[in-house]
Amino acid sequence: MKFEIRKKKILRNLFIAIAILSLGNLFSVYLIFNSAGMDAKVPRLLIKLLNVNLEANLPTYFSSLILLCDAILLAIIAYGSKKKGGQFWHWIGLSAIFVFLALDEMIQIHEQLRAPMEALFSTSGILYFAWFIPYVAITILIGIAYFKFMMRLPKKILKLFIIAGVLFISGAVVMEAISGMHAEVHGERTLTYALMYSFEEFLEMAGAAVFLYALVEYVTKVFKNLKLRFKPKKKKKKNKPIEA
């Protein structure tokens, strides 16, 4: 069986899905600030289902799925690199990082760090949401450790990696910091804050989608002859009855 990979179609469909989820989220924001609608059961259900600032809903599952697909493709690249006798540990490391990001998106691990970080550093202003302090530190360390590895990538792939990284970090760090400054002064129940976290999640999803496209591009260009075979389970041979 032969599968044809249409890279641009994958990216286009991902962004169509992101656009639909973003519109759904904006509708949920409208419902949140429509006091009359909040009394009804259906609007509350739609808010829970569509709002990107809540857990265990459509945007959360979608984001986690993209990140998990990134992790799987990174593992495939590591496998292909090992088969070719090249370096593969960097790819395994990236795969592990994206598995963690997928889990973090799903169960909000970073939120558990907010209270202890705020207590430890007494943060305010740009560091109001203190959970990202260790995340930024780890990101910088990873960037340093992976710099030479990144510079060895094909130019087109490197450019796509950089675009994906800028999009994702702009959402996860920059917009988080800006929205934190706003939340400290005005609270977290304002329309401005809702629009900020909406844009933040859009950037994160867009970054993950572009990274997925970059990985598919890398696989199709570098591993043209890569084949993944799944062996069917061998049937046990039945013992023939002994004739007397």
C-alpha atoms as a PDB file:
ATOM      1  CA  MET A   1       0.000   0.000   0.000  1.00  0.00           C
ATOM      2  CA  LYS A   2       1.418   3.409  -0.993  1.00  0.00           C
ATOM      3  CA  PHE A   3       0.695   6.658   0.827  1.00  0.00           C
ATOM      4  CA  GLU A   4       1.163  10.041  -0.819  1.00  0.00           C
ATOM      5  CA  ILE A   5       2.105  12.889   1.523  1.00  0.00           C
ATOM      6  CA  ARG A   6       0.910  16.332   0.452  1.00  0.00           C
ATOM      7  CA  LYS A   7       2.847  18.637   2.744  1.00  0.00           C
ATOM      8  CA  LYS A   8       1.167  21.909   1.813  1.00  0.00           C
ATOM      9  CA  LYS A   9      -2.268  20.332   2.128  1.00  0.00           C
ATOM     10  CA  ILE A  10      -1.403  19.141   5.633  1.00  0.00           C
ATOM     11  CA  LEU A  11      -0.364  22.668   6.653  1.00  0.00           C
ATOM     12  CA  ARG A  12      -3.423  24.239   5.025  1.00  0.00           C
ATOM     13  CA  ASN A  13      -5.803  21.838   6.765  1.00  0.00           C
ATOM     14  CA  LEU A  14      -4.095  22.409  10.111  1.00  0.00           C
ATOM     15  CA  PHE A  15      -4.527  26.165   9.784  1.00  0.00           C
ATOM     16  CA  ILE A  16      -8.149  25.728   8.730  1.00  0.00           C
ATOM     17  CA  ALA A  17      -8.708  23.736  11.919  1.00  0.00           C
ATOM     18  CA  ILE A  18      -6.854  26.382  13.960  1.00  0.00           C
ATOM     19  CA  ALA A  19      -8.993  29.122  12.395  1.00  0.00           C
ATOM     20  CA  ILE A  20     -12.220  27.223  13.219  1.00  0.00           C
ATOM     21  CA  LEU A  21     -11.094  26.656  16.817  1.00  0.00           C
ATOM     22  CA  SER A  22     -10.073  30.315  17.132  1.00  0.00           C
ATOM     23  CA  LEU A  23     -13.502  31.472  15.924  1.00  0.00           C
ATOM     24  CA  GLY A  24     -15.137  29.065  18.354  1.00  0.00           C
ATOM     25  CA  ASN A  25     -13.014  30.470  21.160  1.00  0.00           C
ATOM     26  CA  LEU A  26     -13.954  34.051  20.250  1.00  0.00           C
ATOM     27  CA  PHE A  27     -17.606  33.008  20.352  1.00  0.00           C
ATOM     28  CA  SER A  28     -17.026  31.610  23.856  1.00  0.00           C
ATOM     29  CA  VAL A  29     -15.418  34.926  24.866  1.00  0.00           C
ATOM     30  CA  TYR A  30     -18.528  36.725  23.605  1.00  0.00           C
ATOM     31  CA  LEU A  31     -20.685  34.417  25.735  1.00  0.00           C
ATOM     32  CA  ILE A  32     -18.516  35.021  28.814  1.00  0.00           C
ATOM     33  CA  PHE A  33     -19.053  38.778  28.612  1.00  0.00           C
ATOM     34  CA  ASN A  34     -22.718  38.474  27.757  1.00  0.00           C
ATOM     35  CA  SER A  35     -24.233  38.431  31.241  1.00  0.00           C
ATOM     36  CA  ALA A  36     -27.664  37.374  29.955  1.00  0.00           C
ATOM     37  CA  GLY A  37     -26.214  34.340  28.176  1.00  0.00           C
ATOM     38  CA  MET A  38     -24.256  33.147  31.221  1.00  0.00           C
ATOM     39  CA  ASP A  39     -27.440  32.153  33.044  1.00  0.00           C
ATOM     40  CA  ALA A  40     -28.304  29.529  30.445  1.00  0.00           C
ATOM     41  CA  LYS A  41     -27.018  25.970  30.475  1.00  0.00           C
ATOM     42  CA  VAL A  42     -26.102  25.765  26.763  1.00  0.00           C
ATOM     43  CA  PRO A  43     -23.811  28.845  26.734  1.00  0.00           C
ATOM     44  CA  ARG A  44     -21.945  27.530  29.790  1.00  0.00           C
ATOM     45  CA  LEU A  45     -21.441  24.213  28.011  1.00  0.00           C
ATOM     46  CA  LEU A  46     -20.167  25.960  24.860  1.00  0.00           C
ATOM     47  CA  ILE A  47     -17.741  28.046  26.915  1.00  0.00           C
ATOM     48  CA  LYS A  48     -16.379  24.925  28.584  1.00  0.00           C
ATOM     49  CA  LEU A  49     -16.078  23.187  25.211  1.00  0.00           C
ATOM     50  CA  LEU A  50     -14.518  26.009  23.153  1.00  0.00           C
ATOM     51  CA  ASN A  51     -12.606  28.409  25.413  1.00  0.00           C
ATOM     52  CA  VAL A  52      -8.830  28.056  25.006  1.00  0.00           C
ATOM     53  CA  ASN A  53      -8.175  29.161  28.595  1.00  0.00           C
ATOM     54  CA  LEU A  54      -9.939  26.102  30.005  1.00  0.00           C
ATOM     55  CA  GLU A  55      -8.784  22.492  30.299  1.00  0.00           C
ATOM     56  CA  ALA A  56      -9.949  19.235  28.709  1.00  0.00           C
ATOM     57  CA  ASN A  57     -11.828  20.703  25.736  1.00  0.00           C
ATOM     58  CA  LEU A  58     -11.536  20.826  21.932  1.00  0.00           C
ATOM     59  CA  PRO A  59      -8.673  23.368  21.697  1.00  0.00           C
ATOM     60  CA  THR A  60      -6.694  21.522  24.384  1.00  0.00           C
ATOM     61  CA  TYR A  61      -7.068  18.142  22.698  1.00  0.00           C
ATOM     62  CA  PHE A  62      -6.187  19.607  19.296  1.00  0.00           C
ATOM     63  CA  SER A  63      -3.040  21.323  20.595  1.00  0.00           C
ATOM     64  CA  SER A  64      -1.963  18.186  22.440  1.00  0.00           C
ATOM     65  CA  LEU A  65      -2.532  16.075  19.321  1.00  0.00           C
ATOM     66  CA  ILE A  66      -0.347  18.326  17.130  1.00  0.00           C
ATOM     67  CA  LEU A  67       2.449  18.298  19.730  1.00  0.00           C
ATOM     68  CA  LEU A  68       2.184  14.514  20.017  1.00  0.00           C
ATOM     69  CA  CYS A  69       2.370  14.174  16.213  1.00  0.00           C
ATOM     70  CA  ASP A  70       5.506  16.334  16.339  1.00  0.00           C
ATOM     71  CA  ALA A  71       6.972  13.948  18.915  1.00  0.00           C
ATOM     72  CA  ILE A  72       6.146  10.887  16.782  1.00  0.00           C
ATOM     73  CA  LEU A  73       7.723  12.402  13.662  1.00  0.00           C
ATOM     74  CA  LEU A  74      10.829  13.326  15.665  1.00  0.00           C
ATOM     75  CA  ALA A  75      11.058   9.704  16.844  1.00  0.00           C
ATOM     76  CA  ILE A  76      10.752   8.509  13.220  1.00  0.00           C
ATOM     77  CA  ILE A  77      13.549  10.887  12.193  1.00  0.00           C
ATOM     78  CA  ALA A  78      15.690   9.558  15.058  1.00  0.00           C
ATOM     79  CA  TYR A  79      15.043   6.014  13.833  1.00  0.00           C
ATOM     80  CA  GLY A  80      15.943   6.947  10.247  1.00  0.00           C
ATOM     81  CA  SER A  81      19.103   8.774  11.345  1.00  0.00           C
ATOM     82  CA  LYS A  82      20.221   5.772  13.373  1.00  0.00           C
ATOM     83  CA  LYS A  83      19.653   3.455  10.405  1.00  0.00           C
ATOM     84  CA  LYS A  84      21.796   5.726   8.233  1.00  0.00           C
ATOM     85  CA  GLY A  85      24.537   5.760  10.863  1.00  0.00           C
ATOM     86  CA  GLY A  86      24.082   9.448  11.657  1.00  0.00           C
ATOM     87  CA  GLN A  87      23.487  11.376  14.870  1.00  0.00           C
ATOM     88  CA  PHE A  88      20.142  10.587  16.389  1.00  0.00           C
ATOM     89  CA  TRP A  89      20.273  11.491  20.086  1.00  0.00           C
ATOM     90  CA  HIS A  90      19.336  15.110  19.406  1.00  0.00           C
ATOM     91  CA  TRP A  91      16.174  13.950  17.648  1.00  0.00           C
ATOM     92  CA  ILE A  92      15.325  11.616  20.539  1.00  0.00           C
ATOM     93  CA  GLY A  93      15.789  14.510  22.950  1.00  0.00           C
ATOM     94  CA  LEU A  94      13.445  16.701  20.913  1.00  0.00           C
ATOM     95  CA  SER A  95      10.894  13.897  20.756  1.00  0.00           C
ATOM     96  CA  ALA A  96      10.946  13.591  24.562  1.00  0.00           C
ATOM     97  CA  ILE A  97      10.531  17.365  24.904  1.00  0.00           C
ATOM     98  CA  PHE A  98       7.459  17.347  22.659  1.00  0.00           C
ATOM     99  CA  VAL A  99       5.931  14.421  24.534  1.00  0.00           C
ATOM    100  CA  PHE A 100       6.265  16.527  27.691  1.00  0.00           C
ATOM    101  CA  LEU A 101       4.755  19.583  25.941  1.00  0.00           C
ATOM    102  CA  ALA A 102       1.798  17.480  24.791  1.00  0.00           C
ATOM    103  CA  LEU A 103       1.234  16.243  28.351  1.00  0.00           C
ATOM    104  CA  ASP A 104       1.662  19.758  29.722  1.00  0.00           C
ATOM    105  CA  GLU A 105      -0.955  21.075  27.309  1.00  0.00           C
ATOM    106  CA  MET A 106      -3.338  18.311  28.318  1.00  0.00           C
ATOM    107  CA  ILE A 107      -3.000  18.367  32.126  1.00  0.00           C
ATOM    108  CA  GLN A 108      -1.553  21.878  32.667  1.00  0.00           C
ATOM    109  CA  ILE A 109       1.638  20.845  34.476  1.00  0.00           C
ATOM    110  CA  HIS A 110       2.998  24.414  34.332  1.00  0.00           C
ATOM    111  CA  GLU A 111       0.053  25.727  36.343  1.00  0.00           C
ATOM    112  CA  GLN A 112       1.251  23.639  39.304  1.00  0.00           C
ATOM    113  CA  LEU A 113       4.477  25.669  39.316  1.00  0.00           C
ATOM    114  CA  ARG A 114       2.765  29.064  39.515  1.00  0.00           C
ATOM    115  CA  ALA A 115       2.157  29.216  43.271  1.00  0.00           C
ATOM    116  CA  PRO A 116       5.597  27.942  44.400  1.00  0.00           C
ATOM    117  CA  MET A 117       7.418  30.189  41.891  1.00  0.00           C
ATOM    118  CA  GLU A 118       5.431  33.251  42.970  1.00  0.00           C
ATOM    119  CA  ALA A 119       6.137  32.460  46.624  1.00  0.00           C
ATOM    120  CA  LEU A 120       9.832  31.892  45.935  1.00  0.00           C
ATOM    121  CA  PHE A 121      10.506  34.969  43.797  1.00  0.00           C
ATOM    122  CA  SER A 122       7.660  37.312  44.895  1.00  0.00           C
ATOM    123  CA  THR A 123       7.063  38.092  41.221  1.00  0.00           C
ATOM    124  CA  SER A 124       5.099  40.927  39.685  1.00  0.00           C
ATOM    125  CA  GLY A 125       4.784  42.807  36.400  1.00  0.00           C
ATOM    126  CA  ILE A 126       6.223  40.903  33.451  1.00  0.00           C
ATOM    127  CA  LEU A 127       6.827  37.896  35.743  1.00  0.00           C
ATOM    128  CA  TYR A 128       3.333  37.936  37.262  1.00  0.00           C
ATOM    129  CA  PHE A 129       2.725  34.414  35.919  1.00  0.00           C
ATOM    130  CA  ALA A 130       5.892  33.040  37.490  1.00  0.00           C
ATOM    131  CA  TRP A 131       5.518  29.497  36.174  1.00  0.00           C
ATOM    132  CA  PHE A 132       7.385  30.324  32.972  1.00  0.00           C
ATOM    133  CA  ILE A 133      10.596  31.332  34.828  1.00  0.00           C
ATOM    134  CA  PRO A 134      11.919  27.732  34.903  1.00  0.00           C
ATOM    135  CA  TYR A 135      10.503  27.118  31.410  1.00  0.00           C
ATOM    136  CA  VAL A 136      12.418  30.101  29.975  1.00  0.00           C
ATOM    137  CA  ALA A 137      15.602  28.985  31.729  1.00  0.00           C
ATOM    138  CA  ILE A 138      15.252  25.442  30.332  1.00  0.00           C
ATOM    139  CA  THR A 139      14.457  26.808  26.843  1.00  0.00           C
ATOM    140  CA  ILE A 140      17.647  28.890  26.873  1.00  0.00           C
ATOM    141  CA  LEU A 141      19.708  25.867  27.956  1.00  0.00           C
ATOM    142  CA  ILE A 142      18.141  23.724  25.206  1.00  0.00           C
ATOM    143  CA  GLY A 143      18.849  26.479  22.666  1.00  0.00           C
ATOM    144  CA  ILE A 144      22.511  26.553  23.657  1.00  0.00           C
ATOM    145  CA  ALA A 145      22.800  22.744  23.633  1.00  0.00           C
ATOM    146  CA  TYR A 146      21.117  22.469  20.213  1.00  0.00           C
ATOM    147  CA  PHE A 147      22.754  25.437  18.469  1.00  0.00           C
ATOM    148  CA  LYS A 148      25.404  23.471  16.538  1.00  0.00           C
ATOM    149  CA  PHE A 149      22.872  20.759  15.710  1.00  0.00           C
ATOM    150  CA  MET A 150      20.450  23.351  14.302  1.00  0.00           C
ATOM    151  CA  MET A 151      23.165  24.973  12.191  1.00  0.00           C
ATOM    152  CA  ARG A 152      23.768  21.621  10.443  1.00  0.00           C
ATOM    153  CA  LEU A 153      20.159  21.372   9.258  1.00  0.00           C
ATOM    154  CA  PRO A 154      19.235  22.130   5.629  1.00  0.00           C
ATOM    155  CA  LYS A 155      18.583  25.872   5.206  1.00  0.00           C
ATOM    156  CA  LYS A 156      14.893  25.504   4.374  1.00  0.00           C
ATOM    157  CA  ILE A 157      14.299  23.244   7.385  1.00  0.00           C
ATOM    158  CA  LEU A 158      16.253  25.583   9.660  1.00  0.00           C
ATOM    159  CA  LYS A 159      14.152  28.527   8.463  1.00  0.00           C
ATOM    160  CA  LEU A 160      10.925  26.614   9.171  1.00  0.00           C
ATOM    161  CA  PHE A 161      12.218  25.547  12.605  1.00  0.00           C
ATOM    162  CA  ILE A 162      12.991  29.191  13.433  1.00  0.00           C
ATOM    163  CA  ILE A 163       9.552  30.378  12.260  1.00  0.00           C
ATOM    164  CA  ALA A 164       7.862  27.652  14.317  1.00  0.00           C
ATOM    165  CA  GLY A 165       9.968  28.486  17.369  1.00  0.00           C
ATOM    166  CA  VAL A 166       9.296  32.226  17.111  1.00  0.00           C
ATOM    167  CA  LEU A 167       5.539  31.628  16.812  1.00  0.00           C
ATOM    168  CA  PHE A 168       5.390  29.176  19.707  1.00  0.00           C
ATOM    169  CA  ILE A 169       7.619  31.182  22.077  1.00  0.00           C
ATOM    170  CA  SER A 170       5.824  34.427  21.173  1.00  0.00           C
ATOM    171  CA  GLY A 171       2.652  32.815  22.456  1.00  0.00           C
ATOM    172  CA  ALA A 172       3.945  30.750  25.370  1.00  0.00           C
ATOM    173  CA  VAL A 173       6.335  33.379  26.776  1.00  0.00           C
ATOM    174  CA  VAL A 174       5.888  36.867  25.260  1.00  0.00           C
ATOM    175  CA  MET A 175       2.069  36.980  25.271  1.00  0.00           C
ATOM    176  CA  GLU A 176       2.002  35.214  28.652  1.00  0.00           C
ATOM    177  CA  ALA A 177       4.228  37.956  30.092  1.00  0.00           C
ATOM    178  CA  ILE A 178       2.150  40.771  28.551  1.00  0.00           C
ATOM    179  CA  SER A 179      -1.145  39.248  29.708  1.00  0.00           C
ATOM    180  CA  GLY A 180       0.393  38.775  33.174  1.00  0.00           C
ATOM    181  CA  MET A 181       1.123  42.494  33.462  1.00  0.00           C
ATOM    182  CA  HIS A 182      -2.457  43.245  32.449  1.00  0.00           C
ATOM    183  CA  ALA A 183      -3.909  40.656  34.857  1.00  0.00           C
ATOM    184  CA  GLU A 184      -1.929  42.045  37.799  1.00  0.00           C
ATOM    185  CA  VAL A 185      -3.487  45.497  37.356  1.00  0.00           C
ATOM    186  CA  HIS A 186      -6.946  44.741  35.950  1.00  0.00           C
ATOM    187  CA  GLY A 187      -7.571  41.116  36.928  1.00  0.00           C
ATOM    188  CA  GLU A 188      -8.196  38.063  34.752  1.00  0.00           C
ATOM    189  CA  ARG A 189     -11.857  38.685  34.005  1.00  0.00           C
ATOM    190  CA  THR A 190     -11.561  41.440  31.411  1.00  0.00           C
ATOM    191  CA  LEU A 191     -12.189  41.385  27.678  1.00  0.00           C
ATOM    192  CA  THR A 192      -8.619  42.557  26.994  1.00  0.00           C
ATOM    193  CA  TYR A 193      -7.180  39.652  28.976  1.00  0.00           C
ATOM    194  CA  ALA A 194      -9.485  37.208  27.153  1.00  0.00           C
ATOM    195  CA  LEU A 195      -8.298  38.502  23.781  1.00  0.00           C
ATOM    196  CA  MET A 196      -4.697  38.232  24.960  1.00  0.00           C
ATOM    197  CA  TYR A 197      -4.939  34.583  25.973  1.00  0.00           C
ATOM    198  CA  SER A 198      -6.848  33.881  22.740  1.00  0.00           C
ATOM    199  CA  PHE A 199      -3.997  35.294  20.649  1.00  0.00           C
ATOM    200  CA  GLU A 200      -1.471  33.467  22.842  1.00  0.00           C
ATOM    201  CA  GLU A 201      -3.054  30.079  22.170  1.00  0.00           C
ATOM    202  CA  PHE A 202      -3.387  30.849  18.454  1.00  0.00           C
ATOM    203  CA  LEU A 203       0.373  31.525  18.245  1.00  0.00           C
ATOM    204  CA  GLU A 204       1.181  28.300  20.103  1.00  0.00           C
ATOM    205  CA  MET A 205      -1.026  26.192  17.827  1.00  0.00           C
ATOM    206  CA  ALA A 206       0.365  27.920  14.728  1.00  0.00           C
ATOM    207  CA  GLY A 207       3.948  27.271  15.891  1.00  0.00           C
ATOM    208  CA  ALA A 208       3.243  23.583  16.524  1.00  0.00           C
ATOM    209  CA  ALA A 209       1.574  23.269  13.084  1.00  0.00           C
ATOM    210  CA  VAL A 210       4.481  24.918  11.234  1.00  0.00           C
ATOM    211  CA  PHE A 211       6.911  22.645  13.099  1.00  0.00           C
ATOM    212  CA  LEU A 212       4.890  19.611  12.015  1.00  0.00           C
ATOM    213  CA  TYR A 213       5.087  20.795   8.400  1.00  0.00           C
ATOM    214  CA  ALA A 214       8.866  21.290   8.783  1.00  0.00           C
ATOM    215  CA  LEU A 215       9.293  17.739  10.092  1.00  0.00           C
ATOM    216  CA  VAL A 216       7.254  16.258   7.229  1.00  0.00           C
ATOM    217  CA  GLU A 217       9.394  18.298   4.814  1.00  0.00           C
ATOM    218  CA  TYR A 218      12.557  16.943   6.457  1.00  0.00           C
ATOM    219  CA  VAL A 219      11.374  13.324   6.358  1.00  0.00           C
ATOM    220  CA  THR A 220      10.386  13.455   2.679  1.00  0.00           C
ATOM    221  CA  LYS A 221      13.647  15.113   1.618  1.00  0.00           C
ATOM    222  CA  VAL A 222      16.243  13.353   3.781  1.00  0.00           C
ATOM    223  CA  PHE A 223      14.683   9.886   4.079  1.00  0.00           C
ATOM    224  CA  LYS A 224      13.309   9.251   0.622  1.00  0.00           C
ATOM    225  CA  ASN A 225      13.763   5.503   0.980  1.00  0.00           C
ATOM    226  CA  LEU A 226      12.621   5.249   4.601  1.00  0.00           C
ATOM    227  CA  LYS A 227      10.153   2.411   5.077  1.00  0.00           C
ATOM    228  CA  LEU A 228       8.266   1.524   8.217  1.00  0.00           C
ATOM    229  CA  ARG A 229       7.088  -2.056   8.350  1.00  0.00           C
ATOM    230  CA  PHE A 230       4.666  -3.454  10.825  1.00  0.00           C
ATOM    231  CA  LYS A 231       5.013  -7.205  11.023  1.00  0.00           C
ATOM    232  CA  PRO A 232       1.762  -9.107  11.401  1.00  0.00           C
ATOM    233  CA  LYS A 233       1.458 -11.337  14.397  1.00  0.00           C
ATOM    234  CA  LYS A 234       2.593 -14.847  13.600  1.00  0.00           C
ATOM    235  CA  LYS A 235      -0.035 -17.475  13.937  1.00  0.00           C
ATOM    236  CA  LYS A 236       0.851 -20.372  16.131  1.00  0.00           C
ATOM    237  CA  LYS A 237       1.025 -23.672  14.308  1.00  0.00           C
ATOM    238  CA  LYS A 238      -1.494 -26.157  15.493  1.00  0.00           C
ATOM    239  CA  ASN A 239      -0.126 -29.540  16.366  1.00  0.00           C
ATOM    240  CA  LYS A 240      -1.482 -32.220  14.086  1.00  0.00           C
ATOM    241  CA  PRO A 241      -3.289 -35.016  15.899  1.00  0.00           C
ATOM    242  CA  ILE A 242      -1.268 -38.219  16.134  1.00  0.00           C
ATOM    243  CA  GLU A 243      -2.928 -41.017  14.298  1.00  0.00           C
ATOM    244  CA  ALA A 244      -2.970 -44.345  16.053  1.00  0.00           C
END
